Amino acid sequence: MSAVDIYLKVEADLDESENARRFAAELCRILERVYGVRKVEVMSLHEGESEGRA
């Protein structure tokens, strides 16, 4: 079996009450649990205003 690194960019609109780091940690837990990945980590986290997409 070979190991593969997959780099994803996820852009999400969060409510003001939601914590971006907690959201990212939950995404990592879901990837580990549902897809059985060996290692998941958040490399960077950029918080900013939404660009008003529909």
N, C-alpha and C. Protein backbone atom coordinates (compact mmCIF):
# COMPACT_ATOMS: atom_id res chain seq x y z
N MET A 1 0.85 -1.17 0.00
CA MET A 1 0.00 0.00 0.00
C MET A 1 0.90 1.24 0.00
N SER A 2 0.55 2.23 -0.81
CA SER A 2 1.35 3.44 -0.87
C SER A 2 0.67 4.58 -0.12
N ALA A 3 1.47 5.49 0.40
CA ALA A 3 0.96 6.67 1.09
C ALA A 3 0.83 7.81 0.08
N VAL A 4 -0.22 8.60 0.21
CA VAL A 4 -0.48 9.72 -0.68
C VAL A 4 -0.78 10.95 0.15
N ASP A 5 -0.13 12.06 -0.15
CA ASP A 5 -0.45 13.33 0.49
C ASP A 5 -1.44 14.06 -0.41
N ILE A 6 -2.54 14.50 0.16
CA ILE A 6 -3.56 15.25 -0.58
C ILE A 6 -3.73 16.60 0.10
N TYR A 7 -3.58 17.65 -0.67
CA TYR A 7 -3.71 19.00 -0.12
C TYR A 7 -5.05 19.58 -0.54
N LEU A 8 -5.82 20.01 0.45
CA LEU A 8 -7.15 20.56 0.20
C LEU A 8 -7.19 22.01 0.66
N LYS A 9 -7.97 22.79 -0.03
CA LYS A 9 -8.28 24.14 0.45
C LYS A 9 -9.77 24.15 0.72
N VAL A 10 -10.14 24.45 1.95
CA VAL A 10 -11.54 24.46 2.34
C VAL A 10 -11.89 25.89 2.74
N GLU A 11 -12.92 26.42 2.11
CA GLU A 11 -13.39 27.76 2.44
C GLU A 11 -14.81 27.63 2.96
N ALA A 12 -15.05 28.06 4.19
CA ALA A 12 -16.36 27.91 4.82
C ALA A 12 -16.81 29.23 5.42
N ASP A 13 -18.09 29.48 5.34
CA ASP A 13 -18.68 30.66 5.98
C ASP A 13 -19.19 30.22 7.35
N LEU A 14 -18.63 30.80 8.39
CA LEU A 14 -19.01 30.46 9.75
C LEU A 14 -19.77 31.61 10.38
N ASP A 15 -20.69 31.28 11.27
CA ASP A 15 -21.37 32.31 12.05
C ASP A 15 -20.37 32.96 13.00
N GLU A 16 -20.69 34.15 13.45
CA GLU A 16 -19.82 34.85 14.39
C GLU A 16 -19.59 34.05 15.67
N SER A 17 -20.57 33.23 16.04
CA SER A 17 -20.47 32.45 17.28
C SER A 17 -19.59 31.20 17.12
N GLU A 18 -19.29 30.80 15.88
CA GLU A 18 -18.49 29.60 15.65
C GLU A 18 -17.00 29.92 15.70
N ASN A 19 -16.23 29.00 16.25
CA ASN A 19 -14.79 29.13 16.37
C ASN A 19 -14.12 28.42 15.19
N ALA A 20 -13.29 29.15 14.44
CA ALA A 20 -12.65 28.60 13.24
C ALA A 20 -11.72 27.43 13.58
N ARG A 21 -10.98 27.53 14.66
CA ARG A 21 -10.07 26.44 15.04
C ARG A 21 -10.84 25.18 15.44
N ARG A 22 -11.94 25.36 16.13
CA ARG A 22 -12.77 24.22 16.51
C ARG A 22 -13.39 23.57 15.27
N PHE A 23 -13.81 24.39 14.32
CA PHE A 23 -14.36 23.89 13.05
C PHE A 23 -13.30 23.07 12.31
N ALA A 24 -12.08 23.58 12.23
CA ALA A 24 -10.99 22.87 11.55
C ALA A 24 -10.67 21.56 12.25
N ALA A 25 -10.66 21.57 13.58
CA ALA A 25 -10.39 20.36 14.33
C ALA A 25 -11.47 19.30 14.09
N GLU A 26 -12.72 19.74 14.00
CA GLU A 26 -13.81 18.81 13.72
C GLU A 26 -13.68 18.21 12.32
N LEU A 27 -13.28 19.00 11.34
CA LEU A 27 -13.03 18.47 10.00
C LEU A 27 -11.96 17.38 10.04
N CYS A 28 -10.92 17.62 10.79
CA CYS A 28 -9.84 16.62 10.93
C CYS A 28 -10.38 15.33 11.55
N ARG A 29 -11.16 15.45 12.61
CA ARG A 29 -11.72 14.26 13.27
C ARG A 29 -12.61 13.48 12.32
N ILE A 30 -13.41 14.18 11.52
CA ILE A 30 -14.30 13.50 10.57
C ILE A 30 -13.49 12.76 9.51
N LEU A 31 -12.45 13.38 9.00
CA LEU A 31 -11.61 12.71 7.99
C LEU A 31 -10.96 11.46 8.57
N GLU A 32 -10.50 11.54 9.81
CA GLU A 32 -9.88 10.37 10.44
C GLU A 32 -10.89 9.25 10.66
N ARG A 33 -12.06 9.61 11.16
CA ARG A 33 -13.06 8.61 11.51
C ARG A 33 -13.75 8.02 10.27
N VAL A 34 -14.22 8.86 9.39
CA VAL A 34 -15.01 8.38 8.26
C VAL A 34 -14.14 7.75 7.17
N TYR A 35 -13.01 8.39 6.87
CA TYR A 35 -12.19 7.91 5.76
C TYR A 35 -10.98 7.10 6.20
N GLY A 36 -10.75 6.99 7.50
CA GLY A 36 -9.67 6.16 8.00
C GLY A 36 -8.29 6.64 7.60
N VAL A 37 -8.14 7.94 7.44
CA VAL A 37 -6.82 8.45 7.07
C VAL A 37 -5.86 8.31 8.24
N ARG A 38 -4.60 8.19 7.93
CA ARG A 38 -3.58 7.95 8.94
C ARG A 38 -3.23 9.21 9.72
N LYS A 39 -3.14 10.35 9.03
CA LYS A 39 -2.73 11.58 9.68
C LYS A 39 -3.45 12.76 9.03
N VAL A 40 -3.98 13.65 9.85
CA VAL A 40 -4.63 14.87 9.37
C VAL A 40 -4.11 16.01 10.21
N GLU A 41 -3.75 17.11 9.56
CA GLU A 41 -3.30 18.27 10.32
C GLU A 41 -3.71 19.55 9.60
N VAL A 42 -3.90 20.59 10.38
CA VAL A 42 -4.20 21.91 9.83
C VAL A 42 -2.87 22.62 9.67
N MET A 43 -2.51 22.94 8.44
CA MET A 43 -1.23 23.59 8.16
C MET A 43 -1.31 25.10 8.40
N SER A 44 -2.43 25.70 8.05
CA SER A 44 -2.61 27.13 8.28
C SER A 44 -4.10 27.43 8.36
N LEU A 45 -4.40 28.54 8.98
CA LEU A 45 -5.79 28.95 9.16
C LEU A 45 -5.84 30.45 8.94
N HIS A 46 -6.61 30.88 7.96
CA HIS A 46 -6.72 32.30 7.63
C HIS A 46 -8.16 32.73 7.84
N GLU A 47 -8.36 33.60 8.81
CA GLU A 47 -9.71 34.10 9.06
C GLU A 47 -9.86 35.46 8.39
N GLY A 48 -11.01 35.67 7.78
CA GLY A 48 -11.27 36.93 7.12
C GLY A 48 -12.75 37.08 6.87
N GLU A 49 -13.12 38.18 6.26
CA GLU A 49 -14.52 38.44 5.96
C GLU A 49 -14.92 37.68 4.70
N SER A 50 -16.19 37.29 4.66
CA SER A 50 -16.74 36.64 3.48
C SER A 50 -16.80 37.63 2.34
N GLU A 51 -16.60 37.13 1.12
CA GLU A 51 -16.58 38.00 -0.04
C GLU A 51 -17.96 38.13 -0.67
N GLY A 52 -19.00 37.73 0.05
CA GLY A 52 -20.37 37.91 -0.41
C GLY A 52 -20.79 37.05 -1.57
N ARG A 53 -20.27 35.83 -1.60
CA ARG A 53 -20.66 34.92 -2.68
C ARG A 53 -22.06 34.40 -2.46
N ALA A 54 -22.74 34.09 -3.53
CA ALA A 54 -24.11 33.59 -3.45
C ALA A 54 -24.15 32.11 -3.14
